[in-house]
Amino acid sequence: RRMLAAARTRAAQHPALLDALTLLDLEAALLSGDQAAAASATPALGFVTSWWIVGPFDNERGGGFGRVVAPVPVASSIYLAAGDLDRAAQLLDRAGSGPTIESDRAVIALARRRPAEAIDLIEHVLEQDRNDLAARWNRALALAELGLDLSAAAQFEQLAATKEPGWSEDAAVRARQIREAATARQTAMTEVER
């Protein structure tokens, strides 16, 4: 490391050489277990050590710009998408509360096949924004999971009526499938009773 320090003073006139020496110094510090020296070398190399991740912006009907949304731990959404429910839940537990966080907790409850818990969480979200499409979708899924088929179909039909791209078409299909399955079960029950 002394040789690197001596070379650094001579390389001050050559930025590329200075960066290469700083990188070598960083690697030497890491190999020797000197975390403080390694940490002090990273800013000089331009390593990004702090950042913000910006996710999808919900701006349905232009209403998203005026809405204040609490930051959500992005890592919890990543774990949730990857199916690691335990890690996602741990991060959400540290995040506090808020509509987006409660909505993510409801998704975890649905994935864990706890639809009643999901509905309780979703109702908190909908108290703050009755038009939250994701919460309304998840409520319909939870109702279907509880076996409340006609209520679930009605929820999906309400979503279909919003004519929101990406939501309406899928909601109409789900509502039709649920109603058809309920009708088929009712027909089968009537046949058995005869």
C-alpha atoms as a PDB file:
ATOM      1  CA  ARG A   1       0.000   0.000   0.000  1.00  0.00           C
ATOM      2  CA  ARG A   2       3.010   2.295   0.547  1.00  0.00           C
ATOM      3  CA  MET A   3       4.076   1.715  -3.039  1.00  0.00           C
ATOM      4  CA  LEU A   4       0.574   2.693  -4.184  1.00  0.00           C
ATOM      5  CA  ALA A   5       0.721   5.893  -2.131  1.00  0.00           C
ATOM      6  CA  ALA A   6       4.087   6.821  -3.635  1.00  0.00           C
ATOM      7  CA  ALA A   7       2.849   6.071  -7.150  1.00  0.00           C
ATOM      8  CA  ARG A   8      -0.259   8.158  -6.526  1.00  0.00           C
ATOM      9  CA  THR A   9       1.759  11.307  -5.818  1.00  0.00           C
ATOM     10  CA  ARG A  10       3.648  10.829  -9.091  1.00  0.00           C
ATOM     11  CA  ALA A  11       0.454  10.074 -11.031  1.00  0.00           C
ATOM     12  CA  ALA A  12      -1.364  13.236  -9.972  1.00  0.00           C
ATOM     13  CA  GLN A  13      -0.822  14.673 -13.490  1.00  0.00           C
ATOM     14  CA  HIS A  14      -2.555  11.679 -15.167  1.00  0.00           C
ATOM     15  CA  PRO A  15      -6.217  11.227 -14.113  1.00  0.00           C
ATOM     16  CA  ALA A  16      -6.643   7.803 -15.722  1.00  0.00           C
ATOM     17  CA  LEU A  17      -3.532   6.489 -14.020  1.00  0.00           C
ATOM     18  CA  LEU A  18      -4.632   8.054 -10.726  1.00  0.00           C
ATOM     19  CA  ASP A  19      -8.029   6.294 -11.014  1.00  0.00           C
ATOM     20  CA  ALA A  20      -6.321   2.964 -11.714  1.00  0.00           C
ATOM     21  CA  LEU A  21      -4.104   3.404  -8.654  1.00  0.00           C
ATOM     22  CA  THR A  22      -7.089   4.385  -6.505  1.00  0.00           C
ATOM     23  CA  LEU A  23      -8.892   1.238  -7.655  1.00  0.00           C
ATOM     24  CA  LEU A  24      -5.856  -0.863  -6.755  1.00  0.00           C
ATOM     25  CA  ASP A  25      -5.745   0.848  -3.359  1.00  0.00           C
ATOM     26  CA  LEU A  26      -9.446   0.077  -2.879  1.00  0.00           C
ATOM     27  CA  GLU A  27      -8.915  -3.589  -3.735  1.00  0.00           C
ATOM     28  CA  ALA A  28      -5.882  -3.780  -1.412  1.00  0.00           C
ATOM     29  CA  ALA A  29      -7.926  -2.239   1.404  1.00  0.00           C
ATOM     30  CA  LEU A  30     -10.727  -4.754   0.872  1.00  0.00           C
ATOM     31  CA  LEU A  31      -8.306  -7.671   0.773  1.00  0.00           C
ATOM     32  CA  SER A  32      -6.669  -6.539   4.001  1.00  0.00           C
ATOM     33  CA  GLY A  33     -10.065  -6.058   5.686  1.00  0.00           C
ATOM     34  CA  ASP A  34      -9.659  -2.280   6.062  1.00  0.00           C
ATOM     35  CA  GLN A  35     -13.284  -1.260   5.444  1.00  0.00           C
ATOM     36  CA  ALA A  36     -12.696   2.392   6.386  1.00  0.00           C
ATOM     37  CA  ALA A  37      -9.945   2.802   3.766  1.00  0.00           C
ATOM     38  CA  ALA A  38     -12.106   1.079   1.164  1.00  0.00           C
ATOM     39  CA  ALA A  39     -15.052   3.338   1.979  1.00  0.00           C
ATOM     40  CA  SER A  40     -12.916   6.455   1.675  1.00  0.00           C
ATOM     41  CA  ALA A  41     -11.678   5.381  -1.774  1.00  0.00           C
ATOM     42  CA  THR A  42     -15.090   4.792  -3.350  1.00  0.00           C
ATOM     43  CA  PRO A  43     -16.195   8.453  -3.797  1.00  0.00           C
ATOM     44  CA  ALA A  44     -12.973   9.289  -5.663  1.00  0.00           C
ATOM     45  CA  LEU A  45     -13.780   6.557  -8.184  1.00  0.00           C
ATOM     46  CA  GLY A  46     -17.295   7.800  -8.800  1.00  0.00           C
ATOM     47  CA  PHE A  47     -19.075   4.758  -7.404  1.00  0.00           C
ATOM     48  CA  VAL A  48     -22.744   5.401  -6.777  1.00  0.00           C
ATOM     49  CA  THR A  49     -23.329   4.703  -3.093  1.00  0.00           C
ATOM     50  CA  SER A  50     -26.719   6.349  -2.632  1.00  0.00           C
ATOM     51  CA  TRP A  51     -29.654   6.490  -5.019  1.00  0.00           C
ATOM     52  CA  TRP A  52     -33.390   6.746  -5.385  1.00  0.00           C
ATOM     53  CA  ILE A  53     -35.423   4.374  -7.491  1.00  0.00           C
ATOM     54  CA  VAL A  54     -38.489   5.809  -9.125  1.00  0.00           C
ATOM     55  CA  GLY A  55     -41.186   3.329  -9.955  1.00  0.00           C
ATOM     56  CA  PRO A  56     -44.394   3.498 -11.957  1.00  0.00           C
ATOM     57  CA  PHE A  57     -46.361   6.694 -11.541  1.00  0.00           C
ATOM     58  CA  ASP A  58     -50.098   6.226 -11.173  1.00  0.00           C
ATOM     59  CA  ASN A  59     -51.638   9.139 -13.027  1.00  0.00           C
ATOM     60  CA  GLU A  60     -55.029   7.815 -13.986  1.00  0.00           C
ATOM     61  CA  ARG A  61     -57.242  10.573 -15.328  1.00  0.00           C
ATOM     62  CA  GLY A  62     -54.535  13.127 -14.491  1.00  0.00           C
ATOM     63  CA  GLY A  63     -55.161  12.808 -10.748  1.00  0.00           C
ATOM     64  CA  GLY A  64     -51.747  11.474  -9.740  1.00  0.00           C
ATOM     65  CA  PHE A  65     -49.930  14.797  -9.818  1.00  0.00           C
ATOM     66  CA  GLY A  66     -51.811  16.292  -6.891  1.00  0.00           C
ATOM     67  CA  ARG A  67     -51.675  13.199  -4.697  1.00  0.00           C
ATOM     68  CA  VAL A  68     -48.993  12.896  -2.042  1.00  0.00           C
ATOM     69  CA  VAL A  69     -47.801   9.310  -1.740  1.00  0.00           C
ATOM     70  CA  ALA A  70     -45.537   8.045   1.008  1.00  0.00           C
ATOM     71  CA  PRO A  71     -42.319   6.454  -0.240  1.00  0.00           C
ATOM     72  CA  VAL A  72     -42.518   2.690  -0.456  1.00  0.00           C
ATOM     73  CA  PRO A  73     -39.524   0.513   0.130  1.00  0.00           C
ATOM     74  CA  VAL A  74     -38.742  -0.473  -3.429  1.00  0.00           C
ATOM     75  CA  ALA A  75     -36.982  -3.587  -2.227  1.00  0.00           C
ATOM     76  CA  SER A  76     -40.263  -4.872  -0.760  1.00  0.00           C
ATOM     77  CA  SER A  77     -41.917  -4.586  -4.178  1.00  0.00           C
ATOM     78  CA  ILE A  78     -38.994  -6.427  -5.752  1.00  0.00           C
ATOM     79  CA  TYR A  79     -39.223  -9.222  -3.173  1.00  0.00           C
ATOM     80  CA  LEU A  80     -42.989  -9.323  -3.635  1.00  0.00           C
ATOM     81  CA  ALA A  81     -42.655  -9.643  -7.417  1.00  0.00           C
ATOM     82  CA  ALA A  82     -40.057 -12.384  -6.936  1.00  0.00           C
ATOM     83  CA  GLY A  83     -42.415 -14.285  -4.629  1.00  0.00           C
ATOM     84  CA  ASP A  84     -40.283 -13.824  -1.499  1.00  0.00           C
ATOM     85  CA  LEU A  85     -43.229 -12.944   0.718  1.00  0.00           C
ATOM     86  CA  ASP A  86     -41.328 -13.187   4.002  1.00  0.00           C
ATOM     87  CA  ARG A  87     -38.697 -10.619   3.021  1.00  0.00           C
ATOM     88  CA  ALA A  88     -41.302  -8.334   1.498  1.00  0.00           C
ATOM     89  CA  ALA A  89     -43.352  -8.525   4.705  1.00  0.00           C
ATOM     90  CA  GLN A  90     -40.308  -7.778   6.862  1.00  0.00           C
ATOM     91  CA  LEU A  91     -39.530  -4.647   4.869  1.00  0.00           C
ATOM     92  CA  LEU A  92     -43.149  -3.522   4.927  1.00  0.00           C
ATOM     93  CA  ASP A  93     -43.272  -4.010   8.707  1.00  0.00           C
ATOM     94  CA  ARG A  94     -40.444  -1.487   9.020  1.00  0.00           C
ATOM     95  CA  ALA A  95     -42.079   0.901   6.558  1.00  0.00           C
ATOM     96  CA  GLY A  96     -44.975   1.993   8.744  1.00  0.00           C
ATOM     97  CA  SER A  97     -48.332   2.493   7.094  1.00  0.00           C
ATOM     98  CA  GLY A  98     -49.958   4.241   4.202  1.00  0.00           C
ATOM     99  CA  PRO A  99     -52.166   3.284   1.266  1.00  0.00           C
ATOM    100  CA  THR A 100     -49.404   1.864  -0.917  1.00  0.00           C
ATOM    101  CA  ILE A 101     -47.874  -0.100   1.940  1.00  0.00           C
ATOM    102  CA  GLU A 102     -51.268  -1.436   3.041  1.00  0.00           C
ATOM    103  CA  SER A 103     -51.996  -2.407  -0.552  1.00  0.00           C
ATOM    104  CA  ASP A 104     -48.740  -4.379  -0.720  1.00  0.00           C
ATOM    105  CA  ARG A 105     -49.596  -6.048   2.594  1.00  0.00           C
ATOM    106  CA  ALA A 106     -52.948  -7.046   1.102  1.00  0.00           C
ATOM    107  CA  VAL A 107     -51.161  -8.660  -1.847  1.00  0.00           C
ATOM    108  CA  ILE A 108     -49.066 -10.672   0.620  1.00  0.00           C
ATOM    109  CA  ALA A 109     -52.202 -11.729   2.488  1.00  0.00           C
ATOM    110  CA  LEU A 110     -53.804 -12.834  -0.788  1.00  0.00           C
ATOM    111  CA  ALA A 111     -50.690 -14.792  -1.768  1.00  0.00           C
ATOM    112  CA  ARG A 112     -50.750 -16.477   1.637  1.00  0.00           C
ATOM    113  CA  ARG A 113     -54.406 -17.370   1.047  1.00  0.00           C
ATOM    114  CA  ARG A 114     -55.713 -15.082   3.794  1.00  0.00           C
ATOM    115  CA  PRO A 115     -58.436 -13.216   1.890  1.00  0.00           C
ATOM    116  CA  ALA A 116     -60.268 -11.875   4.962  1.00  0.00           C
ATOM    117  CA  GLU A 117     -57.062 -10.199   6.158  1.00  0.00           C
ATOM    118  CA  ALA A 118     -56.529  -8.847   2.645  1.00  0.00           C
ATOM    119  CA  ILE A 119     -60.015  -7.302   2.612  1.00  0.00           C
ATOM    120  CA  ASP A 120     -59.387  -5.557   5.949  1.00  0.00           C
ATOM    121  CA  LEU A 121     -56.171  -4.044   4.578  1.00  0.00           C
ATOM    122  CA  ILE A 122     -57.807  -3.074   1.296  1.00  0.00           C
ATOM    123  CA  GLU A 123     -60.650  -1.304   3.083  1.00  0.00           C
ATOM    124  CA  HIS A 124     -58.082   0.981   4.775  1.00  0.00           C
ATOM    125  CA  VAL A 125     -56.688   1.835   1.339  1.00  0.00           C
ATOM    126  CA  LEU A 126     -60.142   2.482  -0.113  1.00  0.00           C
ATOM    127  CA  GLU A 127     -61.065   4.747   2.816  1.00  0.00           C
ATOM    128  CA  GLN A 128     -58.404   7.118   1.526  1.00  0.00           C
ATOM    129  CA  ASP A 129     -59.051   6.626  -2.192  1.00  0.00           C
ATOM    130  CA  ARG A 130     -62.282   4.905  -3.285  1.00  0.00           C
ATOM    131  CA  ASN A 131     -61.025   4.895  -6.880  1.00  0.00           C
ATOM    132  CA  ASP A 132     -57.761   3.011  -6.270  1.00  0.00           C
ATOM    133  CA  LEU A 133     -58.010   0.469  -9.083  1.00  0.00           C
ATOM    134  CA  ALA A 134     -55.380  -1.905  -7.674  1.00  0.00           C
ATOM    135  CA  ALA A 135     -57.149  -2.020  -4.304  1.00  0.00           C
ATOM    136  CA  ARG A 136     -60.521  -2.584  -5.968  1.00  0.00           C
ATOM    137  CA  TRP A 137     -59.008  -5.369  -8.100  1.00  0.00           C
ATOM    138  CA  ASN A 138     -57.478  -7.027  -5.046  1.00  0.00           C
ATOM    139  CA  ARG A 139     -60.776  -6.771  -3.173  1.00  0.00           C
ATOM    140  CA  ALA A 140     -62.488  -8.607  -6.040  1.00  0.00           C
ATOM    141  CA  LEU A 141     -59.787 -11.302  -5.933  1.00  0.00           C
ATOM    142  CA  ALA A 142     -60.220 -11.656  -2.157  1.00  0.00           C
ATOM    143  CA  LEU A 143     -64.005 -11.953  -2.486  1.00  0.00           C
ATOM    144  CA  ALA A 144     -63.551 -14.684  -5.092  1.00  0.00           C
ATOM    145  CA  GLU A 145     -61.082 -16.467  -2.794  1.00  0.00           C
ATOM    146  CA  LEU A 146     -63.700 -16.363  -0.021  1.00  0.00           C
ATOM    147  CA  GLY A 147     -66.183 -18.032  -2.380  1.00  0.00           C
ATOM    148  CA  LEU A 148     -68.333 -14.914  -2.660  1.00  0.00           C
ATOM    149  CA  ASP A 149     -68.531 -15.334  -6.409  1.00  0.00           C
ATOM    150  CA  LEU A 150     -71.392 -12.977  -7.199  1.00  0.00           C
ATOM    151  CA  SER A 151     -69.872 -10.197  -5.086  1.00  0.00           C
ATOM    152  CA  ALA A 152     -66.507 -10.750  -6.767  1.00  0.00           C
ATOM    153  CA  ALA A 153     -68.126 -10.692 -10.213  1.00  0.00           C
ATOM    154  CA  ALA A 154     -69.932  -7.447  -9.330  1.00  0.00           C
ATOM    155  CA  GLN A 155     -66.625  -5.882  -8.229  1.00  0.00           C
ATOM    156  CA  PHE A 156     -64.947  -6.923 -11.476  1.00  0.00           C
ATOM    157  CA  GLU A 157     -67.911  -5.562 -13.459  1.00  0.00           C
ATOM    158  CA  GLN A 158     -67.539  -2.213 -11.698  1.00  0.00           C
ATOM    159  CA  LEU A 159     -63.866  -2.200 -12.658  1.00  0.00           C
ATOM    160  CA  ALA A 160     -64.768  -3.059 -16.245  1.00  0.00           C
ATOM    161  CA  ALA A 161     -67.163  -0.108 -16.304  1.00  0.00           C
ATOM    162  CA  THR A 162     -64.302   2.317 -15.577  1.00  0.00           C
ATOM    163  CA  LYS A 163     -63.021   1.755 -19.144  1.00  0.00           C
ATOM    164  CA  GLU A 164     -59.463   2.103 -17.858  1.00  0.00           C
ATOM    165  CA  PRO A 165     -56.930   0.619 -20.279  1.00  0.00           C
ATOM    166  CA  GLY A 166     -55.380  -2.545 -18.921  1.00  0.00           C
ATOM    167  CA  TRP A 167     -57.968  -2.918 -16.178  1.00  0.00           C
ATOM    168  CA  SER A 168     -61.344  -2.911 -17.888  1.00  0.00           C
ATOM    169  CA  GLU A 169     -60.749  -5.680 -20.389  1.00  0.00           C
ATOM    170  CA  ASP A 170     -59.245  -8.052 -17.818  1.00  0.00           C
ATOM    171  CA  ALA A 171     -61.959  -7.227 -15.280  1.00  0.00           C
ATOM    172  CA  ALA A 172     -64.714  -7.969 -17.828  1.00  0.00           C
ATOM    173  CA  VAL A 173     -63.148 -11.346 -18.618  1.00  0.00           C
ATOM    174  CA  ARG A 174     -62.808 -12.227 -14.921  1.00  0.00           C
ATOM    175  CA  ALA A 175     -66.391 -11.175 -14.170  1.00  0.00           C
ATOM    176  CA  ARG A 176     -67.707 -13.309 -17.041  1.00  0.00           C
ATOM    177  CA  GLN A 177     -65.603 -16.332 -15.986  1.00  0.00           C
ATOM    178  CA  ILE A 178     -66.767 -16.073 -12.365  1.00  0.00           C
ATOM    179  CA  ARG A 179     -70.433 -15.731 -13.360  1.00  0.00           C
ATOM    180  CA  GLU A 180     -70.180 -18.660 -15.789  1.00  0.00           C
ATOM    181  CA  ALA A 181     -68.545 -20.855 -13.125  1.00  0.00           C
ATOM    182  CA  ALA A 182     -71.191 -19.874 -10.566  1.00  0.00           C
ATOM    183  CA  THR A 183     -73.971 -20.628 -13.049  1.00  0.00           C
ATOM    184  CA  ALA A 184     -72.411 -23.992 -13.890  1.00  0.00           C
ATOM    185  CA  ARG A 185     -72.201 -24.900 -10.185  1.00  0.00           C
ATOM    186  CA  GLN A 186     -75.810 -23.833  -9.645  1.00  0.00           C
ATOM    187  CA  THR A 187     -76.926 -25.934 -12.611  1.00  0.00           C
ATOM    188  CA  ALA A 188     -74.992 -28.936 -11.320  1.00  0.00           C
ATOM    189  CA  MET A 189     -76.529 -28.535  -7.850  1.00  0.00           C
ATOM    190  CA  THR A 190     -80.004 -28.342  -9.349  1.00  0.00           C
ATOM    191  CA  GLU A 191     -79.358 -31.523 -11.331  1.00  0.00           C
ATOM    192  CA  VAL A 192     -78.150 -33.345  -8.199  1.00  0.00           C
ATOM    193  CA  GLU A 193     -81.233 -32.283  -6.250  1.00  0.00           C
ATOM    194  CA  ARG A 194     -83.587 -33.776  -8.850  1.00  0.00           C
END
